N, C-alpha and C. Protein backbone atom coordinates (compact mmCIF):
# COMPACT_ATOMS: atom_id res chain seq x y z
N MET A 1 0.84 -1.19 0.00
CA MET A 1 0.00 0.00 0.00
C MET A 1 0.88 1.24 0.00
N GLN A 2 0.50 2.23 -0.81
CA GLN A 2 1.27 3.45 -0.92
C GLN A 2 0.97 4.38 0.26
N THR A 3 2.02 4.98 0.81
CA THR A 3 1.85 5.95 1.90
C THR A 3 1.18 7.19 1.33
N PRO A 4 0.19 7.74 2.04
CA PRO A 4 -0.46 8.95 1.53
C PRO A 4 0.52 10.12 1.43
N HIS A 5 0.36 10.88 0.36
CA HIS A 5 1.19 12.07 0.16
C HIS A 5 0.82 13.16 1.16
N VAL A 6 1.80 13.97 1.50
CA VAL A 6 1.54 15.27 2.12
C VAL A 6 1.71 16.26 0.98
N VAL A 7 0.64 16.99 0.70
CA VAL A 7 0.56 17.81 -0.50
C VAL A 7 0.44 19.28 -0.13
N ALA A 8 1.22 20.12 -0.79
CA ALA A 8 1.06 21.57 -0.70
C ALA A 8 0.43 22.03 -2.00
N VAL A 9 -0.77 22.61 -1.90
CA VAL A 9 -1.44 23.18 -3.07
C VAL A 9 -0.93 24.60 -3.21
N MET A 10 -0.21 24.86 -4.29
CA MET A 10 0.50 26.13 -4.47
C MET A 10 -0.01 26.90 -5.68
N GLY A 11 0.36 28.16 -5.74
CA GLY A 11 0.04 28.99 -6.88
C GLY A 11 -0.18 30.43 -6.44
N VAL A 12 -0.33 31.30 -7.42
CA VAL A 12 -0.57 32.70 -7.12
C VAL A 12 -1.94 32.86 -6.47
N ALA A 13 -2.16 34.00 -5.86
CA ALA A 13 -3.46 34.31 -5.26
C ALA A 13 -4.54 34.18 -6.33
N GLY A 14 -5.68 33.64 -5.93
CA GLY A 14 -6.82 33.55 -6.83
C GLY A 14 -6.89 32.31 -7.68
N THR A 15 -5.91 31.40 -7.55
CA THR A 15 -5.96 30.18 -8.35
C THR A 15 -6.88 29.13 -7.75
N GLY A 16 -7.31 29.33 -6.51
CA GLY A 16 -8.25 28.39 -5.90
C GLY A 16 -7.66 27.49 -4.85
N LYS A 17 -6.52 27.86 -4.28
CA LYS A 17 -5.89 27.01 -3.27
C LYS A 17 -6.82 26.68 -2.12
N THR A 18 -7.57 27.68 -1.65
CA THR A 18 -8.46 27.50 -0.51
C THR A 18 -9.72 26.72 -0.88
N THR A 19 -10.07 26.71 -2.15
CA THR A 19 -11.21 25.92 -2.62
C THR A 19 -10.78 24.50 -2.94
N ILE A 20 -9.71 24.36 -3.70
CA ILE A 20 -9.26 23.04 -4.16
C ILE A 20 -8.62 22.25 -3.02
N GLY A 21 -7.89 22.90 -2.13
CA GLY A 21 -7.23 22.21 -1.03
C GLY A 21 -8.16 21.31 -0.24
N PRO A 22 -9.28 21.84 0.31
CA PRO A 22 -10.19 20.99 1.07
C PRO A 22 -10.85 19.89 0.22
N LEU A 23 -11.16 20.23 -1.03
CA LEU A 23 -11.76 19.22 -1.91
C LEU A 23 -10.78 18.08 -2.18
N LEU A 24 -9.52 18.44 -2.42
CA LEU A 24 -8.49 17.42 -2.66
C LEU A 24 -8.26 16.59 -1.40
N ALA A 25 -8.22 17.24 -0.25
CA ALA A 25 -8.03 16.51 1.01
C ALA A 25 -9.17 15.51 1.22
N ALA A 26 -10.39 15.94 0.96
CA ALA A 26 -11.54 15.04 1.11
C ALA A 26 -11.44 13.88 0.13
N ARG A 27 -11.03 14.18 -1.08
CA ARG A 27 -10.88 13.13 -2.10
C ARG A 27 -9.81 12.11 -1.69
N LEU A 28 -8.74 12.60 -1.06
CA LEU A 28 -7.64 11.72 -0.64
C LEU A 28 -7.88 11.11 0.74
N GLY A 29 -8.88 11.61 1.46
CA GLY A 29 -9.19 11.09 2.80
C GLY A 29 -8.18 11.49 3.85
N VAL A 30 -7.66 12.72 3.73
CA VAL A 30 -6.65 13.22 4.67
C VAL A 30 -7.08 14.61 5.17
N PRO A 31 -6.48 15.10 6.27
CA PRO A 31 -6.82 16.42 6.79
C PRO A 31 -6.32 17.55 5.88
N TYR A 32 -6.99 18.68 6.00
CA TYR A 32 -6.61 19.89 5.28
C TYR A 32 -6.23 20.98 6.27
N ALA A 33 -5.20 21.75 5.92
CA ALA A 33 -4.80 22.92 6.71
C ALA A 33 -4.74 24.12 5.77
N GLU A 34 -5.39 25.20 6.18
CA GLU A 34 -5.40 26.45 5.40
C GLU A 34 -4.10 27.20 5.66
N GLY A 35 -3.30 27.38 4.61
CA GLY A 35 -2.02 28.05 4.76
C GLY A 35 -2.10 29.45 5.32
N ASP A 36 -3.18 30.17 4.98
CA ASP A 36 -3.32 31.54 5.50
C ASP A 36 -3.41 31.56 7.02
N ASP A 37 -3.89 30.48 7.62
CA ASP A 37 -4.01 30.41 9.08
C ASP A 37 -2.65 30.39 9.78
N PHE A 38 -1.60 30.09 9.04
CA PHE A 38 -0.25 30.04 9.61
C PHE A 38 0.43 31.42 9.60
N HIS A 39 -0.18 32.40 8.91
CA HIS A 39 0.38 33.75 8.87
C HIS A 39 0.23 34.45 10.21
N PRO A 40 1.28 35.12 10.69
CA PRO A 40 1.11 35.98 11.86
C PRO A 40 0.24 37.18 11.47
N GLN A 41 -0.40 37.79 12.43
CA GLN A 41 -1.29 38.93 12.18
C GLN A 41 -0.57 40.06 11.44
N ALA A 42 0.70 40.27 11.71
CA ALA A 42 1.45 41.34 11.03
C ALA A 42 1.49 41.12 9.52
N ASN A 43 1.62 39.86 9.08
CA ASN A 43 1.62 39.56 7.65
C ASN A 43 0.26 39.88 7.03
N ILE A 44 -0.80 39.48 7.71
CA ILE A 44 -2.15 39.73 7.19
C ILE A 44 -2.40 41.23 7.09
N ALA A 45 -1.99 41.99 8.09
CA ALA A 45 -2.16 43.44 8.06
C ALA A 45 -1.38 44.06 6.90
N LYS A 46 -0.19 43.57 6.67
CA LYS A 46 0.65 44.09 5.59
C LYS A 46 -0.01 43.82 4.23
N MET A 47 -0.46 42.57 4.01
CA MET A 47 -1.10 42.23 2.73
C MET A 47 -2.42 42.97 2.56
N SER A 48 -3.19 43.11 3.63
CA SER A 48 -4.47 43.83 3.58
C SER A 48 -4.27 45.28 3.15
N ALA A 49 -3.12 45.83 3.51
CA ALA A 49 -2.80 47.20 3.14
C ALA A 49 -2.25 47.30 1.72
N GLY A 50 -2.15 46.16 1.03
CA GLY A 50 -1.66 46.16 -0.35
C GLY A 50 -0.16 46.11 -0.46
N THR A 51 0.53 45.76 0.62
CA THR A 51 1.99 45.68 0.62
C THR A 51 2.42 44.22 0.52
N PRO A 52 3.20 43.89 -0.51
CA PRO A 52 3.67 42.50 -0.61
C PRO A 52 4.58 42.14 0.55
N LEU A 53 4.54 40.88 0.94
CA LEU A 53 5.45 40.38 1.98
C LEU A 53 6.86 40.28 1.41
N ASP A 54 7.85 40.44 2.27
CA ASP A 54 9.22 40.15 1.85
C ASP A 54 9.62 38.80 2.45
N ASP A 55 10.79 38.33 2.09
CA ASP A 55 11.21 37.01 2.54
C ASP A 55 11.28 36.91 4.06
N ALA A 56 11.71 37.97 4.72
CA ALA A 56 11.78 37.94 6.19
C ALA A 56 10.40 37.72 6.80
N ASP A 57 9.36 38.25 6.14
CA ASP A 57 7.99 38.02 6.60
C ASP A 57 7.58 36.57 6.38
N ARG A 58 8.06 35.99 5.31
CA ARG A 58 7.60 34.65 4.91
C ARG A 58 8.26 33.51 5.68
N TRP A 59 9.51 33.69 6.11
CA TRP A 59 10.23 32.55 6.72
C TRP A 59 9.48 31.91 7.90
N PRO A 60 9.00 32.67 8.87
CA PRO A 60 8.28 32.03 9.99
C PRO A 60 6.99 31.33 9.52
N TRP A 61 6.34 31.93 8.54
CA TRP A 61 5.11 31.34 7.97
C TRP A 61 5.44 30.01 7.30
N LEU A 62 6.47 29.99 6.47
CA LEU A 62 6.87 28.75 5.79
C LEU A 62 7.33 27.69 6.78
N ASP A 63 8.04 28.12 7.82
CA ASP A 63 8.49 27.16 8.83
C ASP A 63 7.31 26.52 9.57
N ALA A 64 6.27 27.31 9.84
CA ALA A 64 5.08 26.77 10.50
C ALA A 64 4.35 25.77 9.60
N ILE A 65 4.26 26.08 8.33
CA ILE A 65 3.63 25.16 7.38
C ILE A 65 4.47 23.89 7.25
N GLY A 66 5.78 24.07 7.15
CA GLY A 66 6.68 22.91 7.05
C GLY A 66 6.57 22.01 8.27
N ALA A 67 6.43 22.60 9.45
CA ALA A 67 6.29 21.80 10.67
C ALA A 67 4.99 21.00 10.63
N TRP A 68 3.90 21.62 10.16
CA TRP A 68 2.63 20.90 10.04
C TRP A 68 2.80 19.73 9.06
N ALA A 69 3.40 20.01 7.90
CA ALA A 69 3.59 18.96 6.89
C ALA A 69 4.47 17.84 7.41
N HIS A 70 5.52 18.19 8.14
CA HIS A 70 6.40 17.17 8.74
C HIS A 70 5.62 16.27 9.69
N GLY A 71 4.74 16.87 10.48
CA GLY A 71 3.92 16.10 11.41
C GLY A 71 2.94 15.17 10.74
N ARG A 72 2.65 15.41 9.48
CA ARG A 72 1.71 14.57 8.72
C ARG A 72 2.43 13.51 7.89
N ALA A 73 3.76 13.49 7.91
CA ALA A 73 4.53 12.52 7.13
C ALA A 73 4.07 11.10 7.45
N GLY A 74 3.81 10.33 6.42
CA GLY A 74 3.34 8.96 6.58
C GLY A 74 1.85 8.85 6.82
N LEU A 75 1.21 9.97 7.12
CA LEU A 75 -0.23 9.99 7.40
C LEU A 75 -1.02 10.66 6.28
N GLY A 76 -0.37 11.56 5.56
CA GLY A 76 -1.01 12.31 4.50
C GLY A 76 -1.66 13.57 5.01
N GLY A 77 -1.80 14.51 4.13
CA GLY A 77 -2.43 15.78 4.45
C GLY A 77 -2.32 16.71 3.26
N VAL A 78 -3.13 17.75 3.28
CA VAL A 78 -3.09 18.77 2.24
C VAL A 78 -3.05 20.13 2.93
N VAL A 79 -2.15 20.98 2.49
CA VAL A 79 -2.05 22.34 3.01
C VAL A 79 -1.95 23.29 1.82
N SER A 80 -2.60 24.42 1.93
CA SER A 80 -2.46 25.44 0.90
C SER A 80 -1.31 26.36 1.27
N CYS A 81 -0.54 26.74 0.26
CA CYS A 81 0.62 27.61 0.49
C CYS A 81 1.05 28.13 -0.88
N SER A 82 1.15 29.43 -1.03
CA SER A 82 1.50 29.98 -2.35
C SER A 82 2.81 29.40 -2.87
N ALA A 83 3.83 29.26 -2.04
CA ALA A 83 5.11 28.63 -2.41
C ALA A 83 5.60 29.08 -3.78
N LEU A 84 5.59 30.38 -4.01
CA LEU A 84 5.85 30.91 -5.34
C LEU A 84 7.30 30.76 -5.80
N LYS A 85 8.25 30.83 -4.87
CA LYS A 85 9.66 30.74 -5.24
C LYS A 85 10.21 29.35 -4.93
N ARG A 86 11.19 28.97 -5.72
CA ARG A 86 11.88 27.70 -5.47
C ARG A 86 12.47 27.71 -4.06
N SER A 87 13.02 28.83 -3.63
CA SER A 87 13.64 28.87 -2.29
C SER A 87 12.60 28.62 -1.20
N TYR A 88 11.36 29.03 -1.42
CA TYR A 88 10.29 28.77 -0.44
C TYR A 88 9.97 27.28 -0.40
N ARG A 89 9.89 26.68 -1.58
CA ARG A 89 9.61 25.24 -1.64
C ARG A 89 10.76 24.44 -1.05
N ASP A 90 12.00 24.89 -1.31
CA ASP A 90 13.17 24.23 -0.72
C ASP A 90 13.11 24.32 0.81
N ARG A 91 12.70 25.46 1.32
CA ARG A 91 12.60 25.64 2.78
C ARG A 91 11.54 24.69 3.35
N LEU A 92 10.40 24.59 2.67
CA LEU A 92 9.37 23.66 3.12
C LEU A 92 9.87 22.22 3.10
N ARG A 93 10.57 21.84 2.02
CA ARG A 93 11.09 20.47 1.90
C ARG A 93 12.20 20.19 2.90
N ALA A 94 12.91 21.22 3.34
CA ALA A 94 13.95 21.01 4.35
C ALA A 94 13.34 20.50 5.64
N THR A 95 12.13 20.94 5.95
CA THR A 95 11.43 20.48 7.16
C THR A 95 10.58 19.25 6.88
N ALA A 96 10.00 19.20 5.69
CA ALA A 96 9.09 18.10 5.31
C ALA A 96 9.58 17.52 3.98
N PRO A 97 10.60 16.65 4.02
CA PRO A 97 11.25 16.18 2.78
C PRO A 97 10.33 15.49 1.78
N GLY A 98 9.28 14.85 2.22
CA GLY A 98 8.41 14.14 1.30
C GLY A 98 7.30 14.98 0.71
N LEU A 99 7.30 16.27 0.96
CA LEU A 99 6.23 17.15 0.50
C LEU A 99 6.14 17.15 -1.02
N VAL A 100 4.92 17.04 -1.52
CA VAL A 100 4.63 17.04 -2.95
C VAL A 100 3.80 18.29 -3.26
N PHE A 101 4.07 18.93 -4.38
CA PHE A 101 3.37 20.16 -4.73
C PHE A 101 2.36 19.94 -5.85
N VAL A 102 1.19 20.55 -5.69
CA VAL A 102 0.20 20.66 -6.76
C VAL A 102 0.16 22.14 -7.11
N HIS A 103 0.73 22.48 -8.25
CA HIS A 103 0.78 23.88 -8.68
C HIS A 103 -0.46 24.18 -9.50
N LEU A 104 -1.36 24.97 -8.91
CA LEU A 104 -2.55 25.42 -9.62
C LEU A 104 -2.15 26.58 -10.51
N ALA A 105 -2.30 26.41 -11.81
CA ALA A 105 -1.82 27.40 -12.77
C ALA A 105 -2.93 27.74 -13.76
N GLY A 106 -2.92 28.99 -14.20
CA GLY A 106 -3.93 29.39 -15.17
C GLY A 106 -3.67 30.75 -15.75
N ASP A 107 -4.52 31.12 -16.66
CA ASP A 107 -4.46 32.39 -17.36
C ASP A 107 -4.68 33.55 -16.38
N ARG A 108 -3.86 34.59 -16.51
CA ARG A 108 -3.94 35.72 -15.60
C ARG A 108 -5.33 36.37 -15.59
N ALA A 109 -5.95 36.51 -16.75
CA ALA A 109 -7.28 37.15 -16.83
C ALA A 109 -8.32 36.35 -16.05
N LEU A 110 -8.28 35.03 -16.16
CA LEU A 110 -9.21 34.18 -15.42
C LEU A 110 -8.98 34.33 -13.92
N ILE A 111 -7.74 34.33 -13.50
CA ILE A 111 -7.42 34.44 -12.07
C ILE A 111 -7.83 35.80 -11.53
N GLU A 112 -7.56 36.86 -12.29
CA GLU A 112 -7.96 38.20 -11.84
C GLU A 112 -9.48 38.30 -11.71
N ASP A 113 -10.20 37.71 -12.66
CA ASP A 113 -11.67 37.73 -12.59
C ASP A 113 -12.16 37.00 -11.34
N ARG A 114 -11.58 35.87 -11.05
CA ARG A 114 -11.98 35.12 -9.85
C ARG A 114 -11.67 35.91 -8.58
N MET A 115 -10.51 36.57 -8.55
CA MET A 115 -10.16 37.37 -7.37
C MET A 115 -11.14 38.53 -7.19
N ALA A 116 -11.56 39.13 -8.29
CA ALA A 116 -12.46 40.28 -8.22
C ALA A 116 -13.83 39.89 -7.67
N HIS A 117 -14.20 38.63 -7.81
CA HIS A 117 -15.52 38.18 -7.38
C HIS A 117 -15.54 37.48 -6.02
N ARG A 118 -14.39 37.27 -5.41
CA ARG A 118 -14.41 36.61 -4.11
C ARG A 118 -14.60 37.64 -3.00
N ARG A 119 -15.17 37.19 -1.92
CA ARG A 119 -15.51 38.08 -0.81
C ARG A 119 -14.75 37.67 0.45
N GLY A 120 -14.40 38.66 1.26
CA GLY A 120 -13.86 38.40 2.57
C GLY A 120 -12.43 37.91 2.60
N HIS A 121 -11.65 38.14 1.54
CA HIS A 121 -10.26 37.72 1.54
C HIS A 121 -9.37 38.94 1.61
N PHE A 122 -8.26 38.83 2.34
CA PHE A 122 -7.40 39.99 2.58
C PHE A 122 -6.51 40.34 1.40
N MET A 123 -6.35 39.45 0.43
CA MET A 123 -5.42 39.70 -0.67
C MET A 123 -6.11 40.49 -1.79
N PRO A 124 -5.69 41.74 -2.02
CA PRO A 124 -6.31 42.53 -3.08
C PRO A 124 -5.78 42.15 -4.46
N THR A 125 -6.60 42.39 -5.49
CA THR A 125 -6.17 42.08 -6.85
C THR A 125 -4.94 42.90 -7.25
N ALA A 126 -4.72 44.03 -6.58
CA ALA A 126 -3.56 44.88 -6.88
C ALA A 126 -2.24 44.14 -6.70
N LEU A 127 -2.22 43.10 -5.88
CA LEU A 127 -0.98 42.35 -5.64
C LEU A 127 -0.77 41.20 -6.64
N LEU A 128 -1.71 41.01 -7.56
CA LEU A 128 -1.60 39.88 -8.49
C LEU A 128 -0.35 40.00 -9.37
N ASP A 129 -0.05 41.20 -9.85
CA ASP A 129 1.14 41.36 -10.68
C ASP A 129 2.41 40.97 -9.94
N SER A 130 2.50 41.35 -8.66
CA SER A 130 3.69 40.98 -7.88
C SER A 130 3.75 39.47 -7.68
N GLN A 131 2.58 38.83 -7.56
CA GLN A 131 2.56 37.37 -7.41
C GLN A 131 3.10 36.70 -8.68
N PHE A 132 2.62 37.13 -9.84
CA PHE A 132 3.11 36.55 -11.10
C PHE A 132 4.58 36.85 -11.33
N ALA A 133 5.03 38.03 -10.93
CA ALA A 133 6.44 38.39 -11.08
C ALA A 133 7.33 37.52 -10.20
N THR A 134 6.82 37.13 -9.05
CA THR A 134 7.58 36.31 -8.09
C THR A 134 7.57 34.83 -8.46
N LEU A 135 6.51 34.37 -9.11
CA LEU A 135 6.31 32.94 -9.39
C LEU A 135 7.48 32.32 -10.15
N GLN A 136 8.01 31.25 -9.57
CA GLN A 136 8.99 30.40 -10.23
C GLN A 136 8.34 29.02 -10.33
N PRO A 137 7.92 28.62 -11.54
CA PRO A 137 7.21 27.34 -11.68
C PRO A 137 8.04 26.16 -11.18
N LEU A 138 7.32 25.08 -10.87
CA LEU A 138 7.99 23.85 -10.45
C LEU A 138 9.03 23.45 -11.48
N GLN A 139 10.15 22.96 -11.00
CA GLN A 139 11.23 22.48 -11.87
C GLN A 139 11.16 20.96 -11.98
N PRO A 140 11.76 20.39 -13.03
CA PRO A 140 11.67 18.94 -13.22
C PRO A 140 12.18 18.11 -12.04
N ASP A 141 13.10 18.67 -11.23
CA ASP A 141 13.63 17.92 -10.09
C ASP A 141 12.79 18.09 -8.83
N GLU A 142 11.66 18.79 -8.92
CA GLU A 142 10.78 18.98 -7.77
C GLU A 142 9.60 18.02 -7.86
N ALA A 143 9.30 17.35 -6.76
CA ALA A 143 8.16 16.43 -6.72
C ALA A 143 6.87 17.24 -6.77
N GLY A 144 6.13 17.06 -7.84
CA GLY A 144 4.88 17.78 -7.95
C GLY A 144 4.30 17.72 -9.34
N VAL A 145 3.13 18.33 -9.47
CA VAL A 145 2.39 18.34 -10.72
C VAL A 145 1.81 19.74 -10.94
N VAL A 146 1.58 20.09 -12.18
CA VAL A 146 0.94 21.34 -12.54
C VAL A 146 -0.48 21.00 -12.99
N VAL A 147 -1.46 21.73 -12.45
CA VAL A 147 -2.86 21.47 -12.74
C VAL A 147 -3.50 22.77 -13.21
N ASP A 148 -4.15 22.71 -14.37
CA ASP A 148 -4.85 23.87 -14.94
C ASP A 148 -6.08 24.20 -14.10
N VAL A 149 -6.32 25.50 -13.88
CA VAL A 149 -7.42 25.93 -13.01
C VAL A 149 -8.69 26.29 -13.77
N SER A 150 -8.75 26.00 -15.06
CA SER A 150 -10.00 26.26 -15.77
C SER A 150 -11.02 25.19 -15.39
N GLY A 151 -12.29 25.56 -15.45
CA GLY A 151 -13.36 24.61 -15.13
C GLY A 151 -13.85 24.76 -13.70
N THR A 152 -14.66 23.81 -13.30
CA THR A 152 -15.27 23.85 -11.97
C THR A 152 -14.27 23.36 -10.92
N PRO A 153 -14.52 23.69 -9.66
CA PRO A 153 -13.64 23.16 -8.60
C PRO A 153 -13.57 21.64 -8.62
N GLU A 154 -14.68 20.99 -8.92
CA GLU A 154 -14.68 19.52 -8.97
C GLU A 154 -13.80 19.00 -10.10
N GLU A 155 -13.84 19.67 -11.25
CA GLU A 155 -13.00 19.26 -12.38
C GLU A 155 -11.52 19.47 -12.06
N ILE A 156 -11.21 20.58 -11.44
CA ILE A 156 -9.81 20.87 -11.07
C ILE A 156 -9.32 19.84 -10.05
N THR A 157 -10.16 19.54 -9.07
CA THR A 157 -9.79 18.56 -8.04
C THR A 157 -9.55 17.20 -8.67
N GLU A 158 -10.40 16.81 -9.60
CA GLU A 158 -10.23 15.53 -10.29
C GLU A 158 -8.91 15.49 -11.04
N ARG A 159 -8.59 16.56 -11.75
CA ARG A 159 -7.30 16.61 -12.46
C ARG A 159 -6.13 16.50 -11.49
N ALA A 160 -6.24 17.18 -10.34
CA ALA A 160 -5.17 17.13 -9.35
C ALA A 160 -5.01 15.72 -8.79
N ALA A 161 -6.12 15.08 -8.44
CA ALA A 161 -6.06 13.73 -7.87
C ALA A 161 -5.46 12.75 -8.89
N GLN A 162 -5.87 12.87 -10.14
CA GLN A 162 -5.34 11.98 -11.17
C GLN A 162 -3.84 12.22 -11.38
N ALA A 163 -3.44 13.47 -11.38
CA ALA A 163 -2.02 13.79 -11.56
C ALA A 163 -1.19 13.25 -10.41
N LEU A 164 -1.70 13.39 -9.18
CA LEU A 164 -0.99 12.85 -8.02
C LEU A 164 -0.89 11.33 -8.10
N ALA A 165 -1.97 10.70 -8.51
CA ALA A 165 -1.97 9.24 -8.63
C ALA A 165 -0.94 8.78 -9.65
N GLY A 166 -0.65 9.63 -10.63
CA GLY A 166 0.30 9.28 -11.67
C GLY A 166 1.76 9.49 -11.27
N LEU A 167 1.99 10.12 -10.12
CA LEU A 167 3.37 10.31 -9.66
C LEU A 167 3.91 8.99 -9.17
N SER A 168 5.08 8.63 -9.65
CA SER A 168 5.70 7.39 -9.17
C SER A 168 6.53 7.72 -7.94
N ASP A 169 6.69 6.75 -7.09
CA ASP A 169 7.50 6.94 -5.88
C ASP A 169 8.94 7.29 -6.21
N THR A 170 9.41 6.94 -7.41
CA THR A 170 10.79 7.28 -7.77
C THR A 170 10.95 8.75 -8.04
N ARG A 171 9.84 9.46 -8.34
CA ARG A 171 9.90 10.91 -8.56
C ARG A 171 9.75 11.67 -7.27
N LEU A 172 9.42 10.99 -6.18
CA LEU A 172 9.16 11.68 -4.92
C LEU A 172 10.39 11.73 -4.06
């Protein structure tokens, strides 16, 4: 029997991490953790004001997510985390070596439209350009899959689950 993956659902703001993460966790039968819940209040205040985080802001947040993922090793779990830079993913893997990434990716116009229609989220659409500028896509040596965000949440979740099922243990 294959050990359940610990998965980080990554991507720029508005790709659906908070929607797809819980759906994927339910599909895989593992717990879900909302990455935004790991942010200290100072980070949320900064982003709410339209100011992008810098790396010094992100390190404690990434370390907290990595600790959660490490605690789920061998048990499985899904956590949302933008993980836009390779260095951020490397930091997460340093704490949780078996972490697998699902990179939710899509057309900027679609993502901006979705962000404009969501309610109650602290991330303004004004920061989308900085998110795309920061994004470093998964590299071939990183355990993970890229999943297109077009379609319904159920369709996206199905694509993610199928892509994860197709990962061989030798790539992890």
